[in-house]
């Protein structure tokens, strides 16, 4: 079973990262998976910290 995560935080991050992810050539499913994992890994962090970490992970995934 996957780790619990804040669904609202995932939705907020997805809305903000959509264009960035498309620019890297990532599809929505891959982006969603990355964002879910970031939010689950960093439950007590702020949205801005989630966004920064998700961007880093998306860059790695696109390489």
N, C-alpha and C. Protein backbone atom coordinates (compact mmCIF):
# COMPACT_ATOMS: atom_id res chain seq x y z
N UNK A 1 0.84 -1.18 0.00
CA UNK A 1 0.00 0.00 0.00
C UNK A 1 0.89 1.24 0.00
N UNK A 2 0.51 2.25 -0.76
CA UNK A 2 1.32 3.45 -0.85
C UNK A 2 1.18 4.30 0.42
N UNK A 3 2.15 5.19 0.59
CA UNK A 3 2.14 6.05 1.77
C UNK A 3 1.01 7.07 1.67
N UNK A 4 0.44 7.46 2.80
CA UNK A 4 -0.61 8.48 2.76
C UNK A 4 -0.03 9.84 2.37
N UNK A 5 -0.82 10.66 1.74
CA UNK A 5 -0.37 11.99 1.35
C UNK A 5 -1.55 12.95 1.36
N UNK A 6 -1.22 14.22 1.38
CA UNK A 6 -2.22 15.28 1.39
C UNK A 6 -2.70 15.52 -0.04
N UNK A 7 -3.90 15.05 -0.36
CA UNK A 7 -4.41 15.16 -1.73
C UNK A 7 -4.56 16.61 -2.17
N UNK A 8 -4.92 17.49 -1.26
CA UNK A 8 -5.05 18.91 -1.62
C UNK A 8 -3.69 19.49 -1.99
N UNK A 9 -2.65 19.10 -1.27
CA UNK A 9 -1.30 19.58 -1.59
C UNK A 9 -0.86 19.08 -2.96
N UNK A 10 -1.21 17.85 -3.28
CA UNK A 10 -0.88 17.29 -4.60
C UNK A 10 -1.59 18.09 -5.69
N UNK A 11 -2.86 18.38 -5.50
CA UNK A 11 -3.61 19.14 -6.51
C UNK A 11 -3.05 20.55 -6.69
N UNK A 12 -2.69 21.20 -5.58
CA UNK A 12 -2.10 22.54 -5.67
C UNK A 12 -0.79 22.51 -6.44
N UNK A 13 0.04 21.52 -6.13
CA UNK A 13 1.34 21.41 -6.80
C UNK A 13 1.16 21.08 -8.28
N UNK A 14 0.25 20.18 -8.59
CA UNK A 14 0.01 19.82 -9.99
C UNK A 14 -0.40 21.04 -10.80
N UNK A 15 -1.27 21.87 -10.24
CA UNK A 15 -1.71 23.07 -10.95
C UNK A 15 -0.54 24.01 -11.23
N UNK A 16 0.36 24.13 -10.29
CA UNK A 16 1.50 25.04 -10.44
C UNK A 16 2.61 24.47 -11.31
N UNK A 17 2.73 23.15 -11.38
CA UNK A 17 3.85 22.52 -12.09
C UNK A 17 3.49 22.04 -13.48
N UNK A 18 2.26 22.18 -13.89
CA UNK A 18 1.81 21.66 -15.17
C UNK A 18 2.66 22.17 -16.34
N UNK A 19 2.83 23.44 -16.46
CA UNK A 19 3.62 24.00 -17.57
C UNK A 19 5.08 23.61 -17.50
N UNK A 20 5.64 23.60 -16.31
CA UNK A 20 7.04 23.20 -16.13
C UNK A 20 7.23 21.76 -16.60
N UNK A 21 6.34 20.89 -16.19
CA UNK A 21 6.44 19.48 -16.57
C UNK A 21 6.31 19.30 -18.08
N UNK A 22 5.37 20.00 -18.69
CA UNK A 22 5.21 19.90 -20.14
C UNK A 22 6.46 20.38 -20.86
N UNK A 23 7.07 21.44 -20.33
CA UNK A 23 8.30 21.95 -20.92
C UNK A 23 9.44 20.94 -20.87
N UNK A 24 9.42 20.08 -19.88
CA UNK A 24 10.43 19.02 -19.77
C UNK A 24 10.07 17.78 -20.57
N UNK A 25 8.84 17.76 -21.11
CA UNK A 25 8.39 16.61 -21.89
C UNK A 25 7.82 15.49 -21.05
N UNK A 26 7.43 15.79 -19.81
CA UNK A 26 6.84 14.78 -18.94
C UNK A 26 5.33 14.74 -19.11
N UNK A 27 4.78 13.54 -19.10
CA UNK A 27 3.33 13.42 -19.20
C UNK A 27 2.69 13.64 -17.83
N UNK A 28 1.38 13.78 -17.82
CA UNK A 28 0.66 14.08 -16.59
C UNK A 28 0.78 12.95 -15.56
N UNK A 29 0.75 11.72 -16.02
CA UNK A 29 0.84 10.59 -15.09
C UNK A 29 2.18 10.56 -14.37
N UNK A 30 3.26 10.79 -15.10
CA UNK A 30 4.59 10.82 -14.50
C UNK A 30 4.70 11.98 -13.51
N UNK A 31 4.21 13.13 -13.91
CA UNK A 31 4.24 14.30 -13.03
C UNK A 31 3.45 14.03 -11.76
N UNK A 32 2.29 13.45 -11.89
CA UNK A 32 1.44 13.15 -10.74
C UNK A 32 2.14 12.19 -9.78
N UNK A 33 2.77 11.18 -10.33
CA UNK A 33 3.51 10.21 -9.51
C UNK A 33 4.63 10.89 -8.73
N UNK A 34 5.38 11.75 -9.40
CA UNK A 34 6.47 12.48 -8.75
C UNK A 34 5.93 13.37 -7.64
N UNK A 35 4.89 14.12 -7.93
CA UNK A 35 4.32 15.04 -6.94
C UNK A 35 3.76 14.28 -5.74
N UNK A 36 3.06 13.19 -5.98
CA UNK A 36 2.54 12.38 -4.86
C UNK A 36 3.68 11.90 -3.97
N UNK A 37 4.75 11.44 -4.57
CA UNK A 37 5.89 10.93 -3.81
C UNK A 37 6.54 12.04 -3.00
N UNK A 38 6.70 13.21 -3.59
CA UNK A 38 7.29 14.35 -2.88
C UNK A 38 6.44 14.72 -1.66
N UNK A 39 5.14 14.84 -1.86
CA UNK A 39 4.25 15.21 -0.76
C UNK A 39 4.26 14.14 0.34
N UNK A 40 4.30 12.87 -0.06
CA UNK A 40 4.36 11.79 0.92
C UNK A 40 5.69 11.77 1.67
N UNK A 41 6.77 12.07 0.96
CA UNK A 41 8.12 12.07 1.58
C UNK A 41 8.34 13.27 2.48
N UNK A 42 7.61 14.36 2.24
CA UNK A 42 7.83 15.61 2.97
C UNK A 42 6.51 16.12 3.57
N UNK A 43 5.88 15.36 4.44
CA UNK A 43 4.53 15.71 4.92
C UNK A 43 4.45 17.00 5.73
N UNK A 44 5.49 17.39 6.39
CA UNK A 44 5.43 18.57 7.25
C UNK A 44 6.01 19.82 6.59
N UNK A 45 6.35 19.72 5.31
CA UNK A 45 6.94 20.85 4.61
C UNK A 45 5.87 21.72 3.96
N UNK A 46 6.25 22.92 3.63
CA UNK A 46 5.36 23.88 2.98
C UNK A 46 5.21 23.57 1.49
N UNK A 47 4.16 24.11 0.88
CA UNK A 47 3.93 23.91 -0.55
C UNK A 47 5.14 24.34 -1.38
N UNK A 48 5.75 25.46 -1.06
CA UNK A 48 6.90 25.93 -1.83
C UNK A 48 8.05 24.94 -1.79
N UNK A 49 8.23 24.30 -0.65
CA UNK A 49 9.28 23.28 -0.54
C UNK A 49 8.93 22.05 -1.37
N UNK A 50 7.66 21.69 -1.40
CA UNK A 50 7.21 20.59 -2.27
C UNK A 50 7.50 20.92 -3.73
N UNK A 51 7.20 22.15 -4.12
CA UNK A 51 7.40 22.55 -5.51
C UNK A 51 8.88 22.49 -5.90
N UNK A 52 9.73 22.97 -5.03
CA UNK A 52 11.17 22.95 -5.31
C UNK A 52 11.67 21.53 -5.48
N UNK A 53 11.30 20.66 -4.56
CA UNK A 53 11.75 19.26 -4.63
C UNK A 53 11.16 18.56 -5.85
N UNK A 54 9.89 18.81 -6.14
CA UNK A 54 9.26 18.19 -7.31
C UNK A 54 9.94 18.64 -8.60
N UNK A 55 10.29 19.91 -8.70
CA UNK A 55 11.00 20.40 -9.90
C UNK A 55 12.33 19.68 -10.06
N UNK A 56 13.07 19.52 -8.97
CA UNK A 56 14.35 18.81 -9.02
C UNK A 56 14.16 17.38 -9.50
N UNK A 57 13.16 16.69 -8.96
CA UNK A 57 12.91 15.31 -9.33
C UNK A 57 12.43 15.20 -10.77
N UNK A 58 11.67 16.19 -11.24
CA UNK A 58 11.20 16.18 -12.62
C UNK A 58 12.35 16.39 -13.59
N UNK A 59 13.29 17.24 -13.23
CA UNK A 59 14.47 17.45 -14.08
C UNK A 59 15.25 16.15 -14.22
N UNK A 60 15.44 15.46 -13.11
CA UNK A 60 16.14 14.17 -13.14
C UNK A 60 15.39 13.16 -13.99
N UNK A 61 14.06 13.11 -13.81
CA UNK A 61 13.25 12.16 -14.57
C UNK A 61 13.27 12.43 -16.07
N UNK A 62 13.45 13.69 -16.44
CA UNK A 62 13.42 14.04 -17.86
C UNK A 62 14.76 13.80 -18.56
N UNK A 63 15.80 13.60 -17.78
CA UNK A 63 17.15 13.45 -18.36
C UNK A 63 17.34 12.11 -19.02
